[in-house]
Amino acid sequence: MTLNLDDVIATLIFLIFIVLVIAIIFIAIKGLRNSTKEKQLINQKLDTVLKS
């Protein structure tokens, strides 16, 4: 069995690409969660200001 260097490089690039895509999706989901938490905090502050 002979290892073709081109195949190895292509496989590595493909794996790196998949890892990057997963990381970008993870960061995007994390950012969306943070923005919803911030909106809730802003709404709570608005409610307290309006009540007083």
N, C-alpha and C. Protein backbone atom coordinates (compact mmCIF):
# COMPACT_ATOMS: atom_id res chain seq x y z
N MET A 1 0.85 -1.19 0.00
CA MET A 1 0.00 0.00 0.00
C MET A 1 0.89 1.25 0.00
N THR A 2 0.71 2.06 -1.02
CA THR A 2 1.51 3.29 -1.11
C THR A 2 0.65 4.49 -0.77
N LEU A 3 1.25 5.40 0.00
CA LEU A 3 0.53 6.62 0.38
C LEU A 3 0.82 7.71 -0.64
N ASN A 4 -0.24 8.27 -1.19
CA ASN A 4 -0.10 9.36 -2.13
C ASN A 4 -0.12 10.68 -1.36
N LEU A 5 0.91 11.49 -1.52
CA LEU A 5 1.02 12.73 -0.75
C LEU A 5 -0.13 13.68 -1.06
N ASP A 6 -0.56 13.72 -2.31
CA ASP A 6 -1.68 14.59 -2.68
C ASP A 6 -2.95 14.19 -1.95
N ASP A 7 -3.20 12.91 -1.83
CA ASP A 7 -4.39 12.43 -1.11
C ASP A 7 -4.33 12.83 0.36
N VAL A 8 -3.16 12.70 0.97
CA VAL A 8 -3.00 13.05 2.38
C VAL A 8 -3.26 14.53 2.59
N ILE A 9 -2.69 15.37 1.74
CA ILE A 9 -2.87 16.82 1.86
C ILE A 9 -4.34 17.19 1.65
N ALA A 10 -4.97 16.59 0.65
CA ALA A 10 -6.38 16.88 0.37
C ALA A 10 -7.26 16.48 1.56
N THR A 11 -6.97 15.33 2.15
CA THR A 11 -7.75 14.87 3.31
C THR A 11 -7.57 15.82 4.49
N LEU A 12 -6.33 16.25 4.74
CA LEU A 12 -6.07 17.18 5.84
C LEU A 12 -6.80 18.50 5.63
N ILE A 13 -6.75 19.03 4.40
CA ILE A 13 -7.45 20.28 4.10
C ILE A 13 -8.94 20.11 4.31
N PHE A 14 -9.48 18.97 3.89
CA PHE A 14 -10.91 18.69 4.05
C PHE A 14 -11.29 18.64 5.52
N LEU A 15 -10.48 17.96 6.34
CA LEU A 15 -10.76 17.86 7.77
C LEU A 15 -10.68 19.22 8.44
N ILE A 16 -9.69 20.02 8.08
CA ILE A 16 -9.55 21.36 8.65
C ILE A 16 -10.77 22.20 8.28
N PHE A 17 -11.24 22.07 7.03
CA PHE A 17 -12.42 22.81 6.58
C PHE A 17 -13.64 22.44 7.41
N ILE A 18 -13.83 21.14 7.67
CA ILE A 18 -14.98 20.69 8.47
C ILE A 18 -14.89 21.25 9.88
N VAL A 19 -13.70 21.22 10.48
CA VAL A 19 -13.53 21.75 11.84
C VAL A 19 -13.84 23.24 11.88
N LEU A 20 -13.41 23.97 10.85
CA LEU A 20 -13.69 25.41 10.80
C LEU A 20 -15.19 25.67 10.69
N VAL A 21 -15.88 24.91 9.87
CA VAL A 21 -17.32 25.10 9.71
C VAL A 21 -18.03 24.83 11.03
N ILE A 22 -17.66 23.75 11.72
CA ILE A 22 -18.28 23.43 13.01
C ILE A 22 -18.00 24.54 14.02
N ALA A 23 -16.77 25.07 14.03
CA ALA A 23 -16.41 26.14 14.97
C ALA A 23 -17.22 27.40 14.68
N ILE A 24 -17.38 27.74 13.40
CA ILE A 24 -18.15 28.94 13.04
C ILE A 24 -19.61 28.79 13.47
N ILE A 25 -20.18 27.61 13.25
CA ILE A 25 -21.58 27.37 13.65
C ILE A 25 -21.70 27.49 15.17
N PHE A 26 -20.75 26.90 15.90
CA PHE A 26 -20.77 26.95 17.37
C PHE A 26 -20.71 28.39 17.87
N ILE A 27 -19.81 29.19 17.28
CA ILE A 27 -19.65 30.59 17.69
C ILE A 27 -20.92 31.37 17.37
N ALA A 28 -21.54 31.08 16.22
CA ALA A 28 -22.77 31.78 15.84
C ALA A 28 -23.89 31.48 16.83
N ILE A 29 -24.03 30.21 17.22
CA ILE A 29 -25.08 29.82 18.17
C ILE A 29 -24.82 30.50 19.52
N LYS A 30 -23.55 30.52 19.95
CA LYS A 30 -23.20 31.16 21.21
C LYS A 30 -23.54 32.64 21.17
N GLY A 31 -23.25 33.30 20.05
CA GLY A 31 -23.55 34.72 19.90
C GLY A 31 -25.04 34.98 19.95
N LEU A 32 -25.84 34.12 19.33
CA LEU A 32 -27.29 34.29 19.36
C LEU A 32 -27.82 34.16 20.79
N ARG A 33 -27.29 33.20 21.53
CA ARG A 33 -27.72 33.01 22.92
C ARG A 33 -27.39 34.24 23.75
N ASN A 34 -26.20 34.79 23.57
CA ASN A 34 -25.79 35.98 24.33
C ASN A 34 -26.68 37.16 24.00
N SER A 35 -27.05 37.32 22.72
CA SER A 35 -27.87 38.46 22.34
C SER A 35 -29.27 38.34 22.95
N THR A 36 -29.79 37.11 23.06
CA THR A 36 -31.13 36.97 23.67
C THR A 36 -31.05 37.27 25.16
N LYS A 37 -29.96 36.89 25.81
CA LYS A 37 -29.80 37.22 27.24
C LYS A 37 -29.72 38.73 27.43
N GLU A 38 -29.00 39.41 26.55
CA GLU A 38 -28.89 40.86 26.64
C GLU A 38 -30.25 41.52 26.44
N LYS A 39 -31.02 41.01 25.50
CA LYS A 39 -32.36 41.57 25.27
C LYS A 39 -33.23 41.41 26.52
N GLN A 40 -33.14 40.25 27.17
CA GLN A 40 -33.92 40.03 28.39
C GLN A 40 -33.50 41.02 29.48
N LEU A 41 -32.19 41.24 29.62
CA LEU A 41 -31.71 42.20 30.62
C LEU A 41 -32.21 43.60 30.31
N ILE A 42 -32.15 43.99 29.03
CA ILE A 42 -32.62 45.32 28.65
C ILE A 42 -34.11 45.46 28.94
N ASN A 43 -34.88 44.42 28.62
CA ASN A 43 -36.32 44.46 28.88
C ASN A 43 -36.61 44.58 30.38
N GLN A 44 -35.85 43.85 31.21
CA GLN A 44 -36.05 43.94 32.65
C GLN A 44 -35.75 45.35 33.15
N LYS A 45 -34.67 45.95 32.65
CA LYS A 45 -34.33 47.32 33.07
C LYS A 45 -35.41 48.29 32.64
N LEU A 46 -35.92 48.11 31.42
CA LEU A 46 -37.00 48.99 30.94
C LEU A 46 -38.24 48.85 31.81
N ASP A 47 -38.56 47.61 32.17
CA ASP A 47 -39.73 47.38 33.03
C ASP A 47 -39.59 48.10 34.36
N THR A 48 -38.41 48.00 34.98
CA THR A 48 -38.21 48.64 36.28
C THR A 48 -38.28 50.15 36.15
N VAL A 49 -37.77 50.70 35.05
CA VAL A 49 -37.83 52.15 34.85
C VAL A 49 -39.27 52.59 34.64
N LEU A 50 -40.04 51.82 33.87
CA LEU A 50 -41.42 52.18 33.60
C LEU A 50 -42.30 52.05 34.84
N LYS A 51 -42.00 51.07 35.70
CA LYS A 51 -42.81 50.86 36.91
C LYS A 51 -42.61 51.97 37.92
N SER A 52 -41.39 52.49 38.03
CA SER A 52 -41.11 53.51 39.04
C SER A 52 -41.59 54.89 38.63
